[in-house]
Amino acid sequence: MALFGYTIGEDRDQNASNGKQLDVYRFLIPNAPTTTPITPTGPVGTVTIAGTVTTADLEGLGTNPTTGRVTAINETRVTGSTTPIDPTVFIVNNVDQPFAPVNVPVVRTPSDLRRFGFESGADFGRDFSVASQPIVHYTIAGNRSASNGVPVGSSLYKITLTNPAISIVDNTPTTPERLGTQPTNTGKFADGLAIDNLTPGRTRAFASDLSTADGDGAQLYKVDLLTGQLSAPINLRNSSGQPLSVNSDSGLAFSNVTGSTQRLFAWEETGRLYEITGFQDELNASGLTLGSTTGTNGAGFATATLLATVNLPNASTGVVDYEGFTIANE
């Protein structure tokens, strides 16, 4: 068995008249940093979506711990639009190997629910609002700049796997939060999500922010999967102890391999892969507080080391962004 990363590109030809072709790539996750670029396998396959679907980018990727299969969710709203819309929510199952995509529409609960923000991340984890704690598909959606008239912030949502329905994760959402005009976590932008399924718990999850457009640097947040609350920011530093200098949309994934040490990876849409260390100082802290000052990394930060660069078509130039990211043990 080995760890493989999965990512999905944007529409390859930007031609809405022939629909949208989103290529899925797979690549081996190295055990240690390497300066040799990684050549991905693939494309593993291409997800084709009708050109009439405005929010077709599959920005959120997650691996179901029960089936081991990878599922993608479409972006929240049309990035850059001055009139944010969220016309449809759908997931695409089985975009890993063997490639067998199945497009599944998702019902909103309540029916007028709209996701906040423009960027998305996703993962699978237990639903702590239900006694049996079934596996559900979580997605985080955020806005990183108020220049489009929408506040900076993020909101967490969950999708049930039986009769798929999406709902907001919040104790008492307000009408603007339900309608997607206000975030449940004001001022905290995140577009990557990773859930620790080796040691499950309602705060065993992280969200990522590798953008500077929200006025801060690269950060993680602990996530409360019951209330949807994000913690104070956990700053990311490079191996020299300096703030991690990046500005990209992000993905986030745990290795989640039973019997192994848990590993955490962050992903830049340009194909740069980082391994996060010192995260246990924060993750093991109770609730949403930050870790002990006597921990390996101290309180409020973790270390991001560039693990590898993946050579994806047109990624380095920004012509095609690869925002979704997850890991499968194959």
Protein backbone atom coordinates (compact mmCIF):
# COMPACT_ATOMS: atom_id res chain seq x y z
CA MET A 1 0.00 0.00 0.00
CA ALA A 2 1.12 3.55 -0.71
CA LEU A 3 -0.25 7.07 -0.38
CA PHE A 4 -1.50 8.73 -3.55
CA GLY A 5 -2.68 12.29 -3.92
CA TYR A 6 -5.61 13.24 -6.13
CA THR A 7 -6.41 16.62 -7.63
CA ILE A 8 -8.80 17.98 -10.27
CA GLY A 9 -8.09 20.82 -12.69
CA GLU A 10 -10.39 23.53 -13.94
CA ASP A 11 -12.10 23.31 -17.33
CA ARG A 12 -9.23 22.50 -19.65
CA ASP A 13 -10.31 24.62 -22.65
CA GLN A 14 -12.50 27.29 -21.00
CA ASN A 15 -15.06 26.75 -23.75
CA ALA A 16 -18.56 26.61 -22.30
CA SER A 17 -20.15 25.59 -25.60
CA ASN A 18 -18.72 22.07 -25.38
CA GLY A 19 -19.33 21.68 -21.66
CA LYS A 20 -16.57 21.53 -19.06
CA GLN A 21 -13.83 18.92 -18.96
CA LEU A 22 -12.19 18.53 -15.57
CA ASP A 23 -9.15 16.23 -15.60
CA VAL A 24 -8.32 14.12 -12.55
CA TYR A 25 -4.66 13.44 -11.74
CA ARG A 26 -3.05 10.99 -9.33
CA PHE A 27 0.49 11.13 -7.93
CA LEU A 28 2.62 9.27 -5.40
CA ILE A 29 3.11 11.04 -2.07
CA PRO A 30 6.84 10.97 -1.18
CA ASN A 31 8.01 9.99 2.29
CA ALA A 32 10.57 12.81 2.46
CA PRO A 33 11.16 16.16 0.73
CA THR A 34 12.44 15.92 -2.82
CA THR A 35 13.65 18.53 -5.29
CA THR A 36 12.83 16.26 -8.22
CA PRO A 37 9.43 17.20 -9.66
CA ILE A 38 6.82 14.47 -9.42
CA THR A 39 5.22 13.28 -12.64
CA PRO A 40 1.56 12.45 -12.08
CA THR A 41 -0.24 9.50 -13.60
CA GLY A 42 -3.03 10.38 -15.89
CA PRO A 43 -5.17 11.94 -16.34
CA VAL A 44 -6.90 9.18 -14.43
CA GLY A 45 -10.08 10.30 -16.14
CA THR A 46 -12.10 13.34 -17.10
CA VAL A 47 -15.29 14.52 -15.43
CA THR A 48 -17.54 16.17 -18.02
CA ILE A 49 -20.18 18.67 -16.89
CA ALA A 50 -22.68 20.57 -19.01
CA GLY A 51 -21.63 24.09 -19.93
CA THR A 52 -24.86 25.45 -18.46
CA VAL A 53 -23.63 24.65 -14.93
CA THR A 54 -21.92 27.86 -13.80
CA THR A 55 -20.39 26.42 -10.60
CA ALA A 56 -18.83 23.37 -12.24
CA ASP A 57 -15.32 23.52 -10.74
CA LEU A 58 -14.81 20.58 -8.37
CA GLU A 59 -12.86 22.41 -5.67
CA GLY A 60 -13.52 20.11 -2.72
CA LEU A 61 -12.09 16.57 -2.62
CA GLY A 62 -12.42 14.05 0.16
CA THR A 63 -11.79 10.33 0.73
CA ASN A 64 -14.57 8.30 2.33
CA PRO A 65 -13.00 6.31 5.21
CA THR A 66 -15.62 3.57 4.83
CA THR A 67 -15.23 2.90 1.11
CA GLY A 68 -11.79 4.38 0.41
CA ARG A 69 -13.26 6.12 -2.64
CA VAL A 70 -12.77 9.78 -3.54
CA THR A 71 -15.67 12.21 -3.92
CA ALA A 72 -15.64 15.79 -5.25
CA ILE A 73 -18.04 18.65 -4.56
CA ASN A 74 -18.60 21.64 -6.81
CA GLU A 75 -17.45 25.14 -5.94
CA THR A 76 -19.70 27.32 -3.85
CA ARG A 77 -20.37 30.29 -6.13
CA VAL A 78 -18.96 31.91 -9.23
CA THR A 79 -15.62 33.43 -8.28
CA GLY A 80 -15.42 37.14 -9.00
CA SER A 81 -19.15 37.59 -9.53
CA THR A 82 -20.58 40.82 -8.12
CA THR A 83 -23.92 39.07 -7.75
CA PRO A 84 -23.08 35.81 -5.97
CA ILE A 85 -25.24 32.87 -6.98
CA ASP A 86 -25.30 29.28 -5.83
CA PRO A 87 -27.65 27.60 -8.30
CA THR A 88 -26.83 23.97 -7.70
CA VAL A 89 -25.04 21.65 -5.32
CA PHE A 90 -23.75 18.32 -6.58
CA ILE A 91 -21.14 15.73 -5.70
CA VAL A 92 -19.26 13.40 -8.03
CA ASN A 93 -18.40 10.03 -6.53
CA ASN A 94 -15.61 7.61 -7.51
CA VAL A 95 -13.21 10.00 -9.21
CA ASP A 96 -10.22 7.90 -8.09
CA GLN A 97 -9.00 4.62 -9.59
CA PRO A 98 -10.85 2.69 -10.88
CA PHE A 99 -12.34 5.84 -12.37
CA ALA A 100 -16.16 5.58 -12.35
CA PRO A 101 -17.67 9.03 -11.79
CA VAL A 102 -21.29 9.27 -10.67
CA ASN A 103 -22.89 12.72 -10.51
CA VAL A 104 -25.29 13.04 -7.57
CA PRO A 105 -27.55 16.08 -7.04
CA VAL A 106 -27.84 17.33 -3.47
CA VAL A 107 -31.04 18.64 -1.89
CA ARG A 108 -30.86 21.74 0.34
CA THR A 109 -32.13 21.62 3.95
CA PRO A 110 -33.88 24.00 4.36
CA SER A 111 -34.80 24.48 0.72
CA ASP A 112 -33.67 28.14 0.66
CA LEU A 113 -30.16 27.36 1.98
CA ARG A 114 -27.29 28.95 0.03
CA ARG A 115 -23.60 28.32 0.65
CA PHE A 116 -21.53 31.32 1.67
CA GLY A 117 -18.39 32.35 -0.20
CA PHE A 118 -16.65 31.36 -3.41
CA GLU A 119 -13.90 28.83 -2.56
CA SER A 120 -14.46 25.32 -1.23
CA GLY A 121 -12.77 22.42 0.53
CA ALA A 122 -14.17 19.06 1.62
CA ASP A 123 -13.57 15.85 3.55
CA PHE A 124 -15.47 13.02 5.21
CA GLY A 125 -15.95 12.54 8.95
CA ARG A 126 -18.39 11.55 11.65
CA ASP A 127 -21.55 13.52 12.36
CA PHE A 128 -21.40 14.33 16.08
CA SER A 129 -24.97 15.65 16.13
CA VAL A 130 -26.28 12.09 15.75
CA ALA A 131 -25.89 9.40 18.40
CA SER A 132 -24.76 6.78 15.89
CA GLN A 133 -22.17 9.23 14.46
CA PRO A 134 -22.60 8.24 10.81
CA ILE A 135 -20.04 9.29 8.19
CA VAL A 136 -21.06 12.46 6.35
CA HIS A 137 -19.43 14.65 3.71
CA TYR A 138 -18.31 17.99 5.14
CA THR A 139 -17.53 21.02 3.00
CA ILE A 140 -16.17 24.41 3.99
CA ALA A 141 -16.84 27.47 1.88
CA GLY A 142 -15.19 30.86 2.21
CA ASN A 143 -14.66 34.33 0.79
CA ARG A 144 -11.15 35.79 1.04
CA SER A 145 -11.67 39.41 -0.07
CA ALA A 146 -14.38 41.95 0.62
CA SER A 147 -13.70 43.63 -2.75
CA ASN A 148 -16.69 41.76 -4.22
CA GLY A 149 -19.03 43.20 -1.60
CA VAL A 150 -19.17 39.97 0.42
CA PRO A 151 -17.61 39.81 3.91
CA VAL A 152 -14.43 37.82 4.52
CA GLY A 153 -15.23 34.60 6.35
CA SER A 154 -16.19 30.92 6.14
CA SER A 155 -19.04 28.54 6.89
CA LEU A 156 -19.12 24.77 7.36
CA TYR A 157 -21.74 22.51 5.79
CA LYS A 158 -22.48 18.79 5.85
CA ILE A 159 -24.01 16.46 3.29
CA THR A 160 -25.71 13.28 4.40
CA LEU A 161 -24.75 10.24 2.34
CA THR A 162 -28.20 8.65 2.35
CA ASN A 163 -30.64 10.71 0.29
CA PRO A 164 -27.94 13.42 -0.04
CA ALA A 165 -28.96 16.69 1.59
CA ILE A 166 -26.81 19.69 2.53
CA SER A 167 -27.29 21.71 5.72
CA ILE A 168 -25.32 24.39 7.54
CA VAL A 169 -23.33 23.35 10.62
CA ASP A 170 -24.22 25.96 13.23
CA ASN A 171 -26.16 25.90 16.49
CA THR A 172 -28.48 28.78 15.64
CA PRO A 173 -27.85 30.11 12.13
CA THR A 174 -29.27 33.52 11.36
CA THR A 175 -31.25 34.20 8.20
CA PRO A 176 -28.26 35.91 6.46
CA GLU A 177 -26.05 32.94 7.40
CA ARG A 178 -28.61 30.47 6.06
CA LEU A 179 -29.01 32.46 2.86
CA GLY A 180 -25.24 32.70 2.38
CA THR A 181 -24.84 36.47 2.61
CA GLN A 182 -23.01 36.36 5.96
CA PRO A 183 -20.44 33.80 7.20
CA THR A 184 -20.74 31.89 10.46
CA ASN A 185 -17.01 32.53 11.00
CA THR A 186 -16.51 36.21 10.21
CA GLY A 187 -12.98 37.26 9.23
CA LYS A 188 -11.68 33.67 9.03
CA PHE A 189 -11.17 32.54 5.43
CA ALA A 190 -10.53 28.86 4.70
CA ASP A 191 -10.85 26.75 1.55
CA GLY A 192 -9.25 23.44 2.53
CA LEU A 193 -10.58 20.84 4.98
CA ALA A 194 -9.01 17.74 6.57
CA ILE A 195 -10.59 15.47 9.18
CA ASP A 196 -8.64 13.10 11.43
CA ASN A 197 -10.40 9.75 11.12
CA LEU A 198 -7.68 7.85 13.02
CA THR A 199 -8.60 9.52 16.30
CA PRO A 200 -12.14 10.78 15.70
CA GLY A 201 -13.49 13.72 17.68
CA ARG A 202 -15.58 16.78 17.07
CA THR A 203 -12.49 19.05 17.01
CA ARG A 204 -10.13 16.61 15.26
CA ALA A 205 -10.21 18.60 12.04
CA PHE A 206 -8.35 21.46 10.38
CA ALA A 207 -9.21 24.05 7.75
CA SER A 208 -6.52 25.78 5.68
CA ASP A 209 -5.88 29.28 4.34
CA LEU A 210 -2.88 29.82 2.05
CA SER A 211 -4.16 33.14 0.67
CA THR A 212 -2.96 36.63 1.61
CA ALA A 213 -5.99 38.33 0.02
CA ASP A 214 -7.80 38.22 3.36
CA GLY A 215 -5.09 40.37 4.92
CA ASP A 216 -3.13 37.71 6.78
CA GLY A 217 -0.65 34.92 6.05
CA ALA A 218 -0.80 31.16 5.70
CA GLN A 219 -2.83 29.62 8.49
CA LEU A 220 -4.69 26.62 9.81
CA TYR A 221 -7.83 26.62 11.94
CA LYS A 222 -9.16 23.89 14.18
CA VAL A 223 -12.72 23.02 13.22
CA ASP A 224 -15.57 22.03 15.52
CA LEU A 225 -17.60 19.57 13.45
CA LEU A 226 -20.59 19.93 15.77
CA THR A 227 -20.92 23.73 15.90
CA GLY A 228 -19.06 24.74 12.72
CA GLN A 229 -16.81 27.06 14.72
CA LEU A 230 -13.21 27.79 13.67
CA SER A 231 -10.48 28.38 16.25
CA ALA A 232 -8.07 31.27 16.51
CA PRO A 233 -5.57 31.07 13.61
CA ILE A 234 -2.63 28.68 13.77
CA ASN A 235 0.15 30.32 11.77
CA LEU A 236 2.20 28.26 9.33
CA ARG A 237 5.97 28.71 9.33
CA ASN A 238 8.61 27.28 7.04
CA SER A 239 11.40 24.99 8.24
CA SER A 240 13.52 28.06 9.04
CA GLY A 241 10.89 29.40 11.40
CA GLN A 242 9.77 32.22 9.10
CA PRO A 243 6.15 32.81 8.05
CA LEU A 244 5.26 30.59 5.11
CA SER A 245 5.31 32.85 2.05
CA VAL A 246 2.53 31.63 -0.26
CA ASN A 247 -0.58 33.10 -1.84
CA SER A 248 -2.78 30.44 -3.42
CA ASP A 249 -6.00 28.54 -3.02
CA SER A 250 -5.41 25.49 -0.89
CA GLY A 251 -6.27 21.89 -0.25
CA LEU A 252 -5.70 19.93 2.96
CA ALA A 253 -5.63 16.21 3.74
CA PHE A 254 -4.68 13.77 6.48
CA SER A 255 -3.06 10.46 5.56
CA ASN A 256 -5.55 8.56 7.78
CA VAL A 257 -3.70 5.24 7.47
CA THR A 258 -4.58 2.82 10.27
CA GLY A 259 -1.50 1.62 12.18
CA SER A 260 0.69 4.48 10.93
CA THR A 261 1.65 7.87 12.26
CA GLN A 262 -0.87 10.45 11.15
CA ARG A 263 0.50 12.84 8.51
CA LEU A 264 -0.99 16.16 7.40
CA PHE A 265 -0.48 17.71 3.96
CA ALA A 266 -1.30 21.10 2.49
CA TRP A 267 -1.71 21.69 -1.23
CA GLU A 268 -1.27 24.78 -3.40
CA GLU A 269 -3.34 25.05 -6.57
CA THR A 270 -0.05 25.43 -8.51
CA GLY A 271 0.98 21.85 -7.67
CA ARG A 272 3.18 22.47 -4.63
CA LEU A 273 2.76 19.92 -1.82
CA TYR A 274 3.69 20.63 1.81
CA GLU A 275 3.87 18.39 4.85
CA ILE A 276 2.68 19.96 8.10
CA THR A 277 4.45 19.01 11.33
CA GLY A 278 3.85 20.14 14.89
CA PHE A 279 0.12 20.09 14.25
CA GLN A 280 -0.42 17.64 17.10
CA ASP A 281 0.39 20.45 19.58
CA GLU A 282 -2.75 22.15 18.35
CA LEU A 283 -4.92 19.16 17.48
CA ASN A 284 -4.47 17.51 20.89
CA ALA A 285 -5.52 20.63 22.77
CA SER A 286 -8.99 20.37 24.24
CA GLY A 287 -11.82 22.10 22.43
CA LEU A 288 -10.81 24.91 20.10
CA THR A 289 -8.02 26.29 22.28
CA LEU A 290 -4.46 26.36 20.97
CA GLY A 291 -1.71 23.99 22.06
CA SER A 292 0.62 24.20 25.04
CA THR A 293 3.51 26.67 24.97
CA THR A 294 5.75 23.78 26.00
CA GLY A 295 4.81 21.70 22.96
CA THR A 296 7.25 20.87 20.18
CA ASN A 297 6.07 23.83 18.15
CA GLY A 298 4.67 25.98 20.93
CA ALA A 299 1.21 27.52 20.79
CA GLY A 300 -0.43 28.93 17.73
CA PHE A 301 1.79 27.68 14.93
CA ALA A 302 2.84 24.65 12.92
CA THR A 303 5.62 24.02 10.41
CA ALA A 304 5.06 23.58 6.66
CA THR A 305 7.90 21.94 4.71
CA LEU A 306 7.82 21.82 0.91
CA LEU A 307 7.60 18.13 0.16
CA ALA A 308 7.46 18.17 -3.63
CA THR A 309 6.21 19.93 -6.74
CA VAL A 310 3.84 18.01 -8.98
CA ASN A 311 4.13 18.70 -12.70
CA LEU A 312 0.51 19.29 -13.70
CA PRO A 313 -0.46 20.64 -17.14
CA ASN A 314 -0.53 24.47 -17.17
CA ALA A 315 -0.41 24.67 -13.36
CA SER A 316 2.80 26.67 -12.91
CA THR A 317 1.53 29.43 -15.21
CA GLY A 318 -1.85 29.63 -13.52
CA VAL A 319 -3.70 28.87 -16.75
CA VAL A 320 -5.30 25.89 -14.98
CA ASP A 321 -5.75 25.81 -11.21
CA TYR A 322 -5.86 22.55 -9.27
CA GLU A 323 -7.70 23.42 -6.08
CA GLY A 324 -9.15 20.15 -4.82
CA PHE A 325 -6.87 17.72 -2.99
CA THR A 326 -7.21 14.47 -1.10
CA ILE A 327 -5.20 11.34 -0.31
CA ALA A 328 -6.05 7.67 -0.85
CA ASN A 329 -4.15 4.68 0.51
CA GLU A 330 -3.86 2.27 -2.39
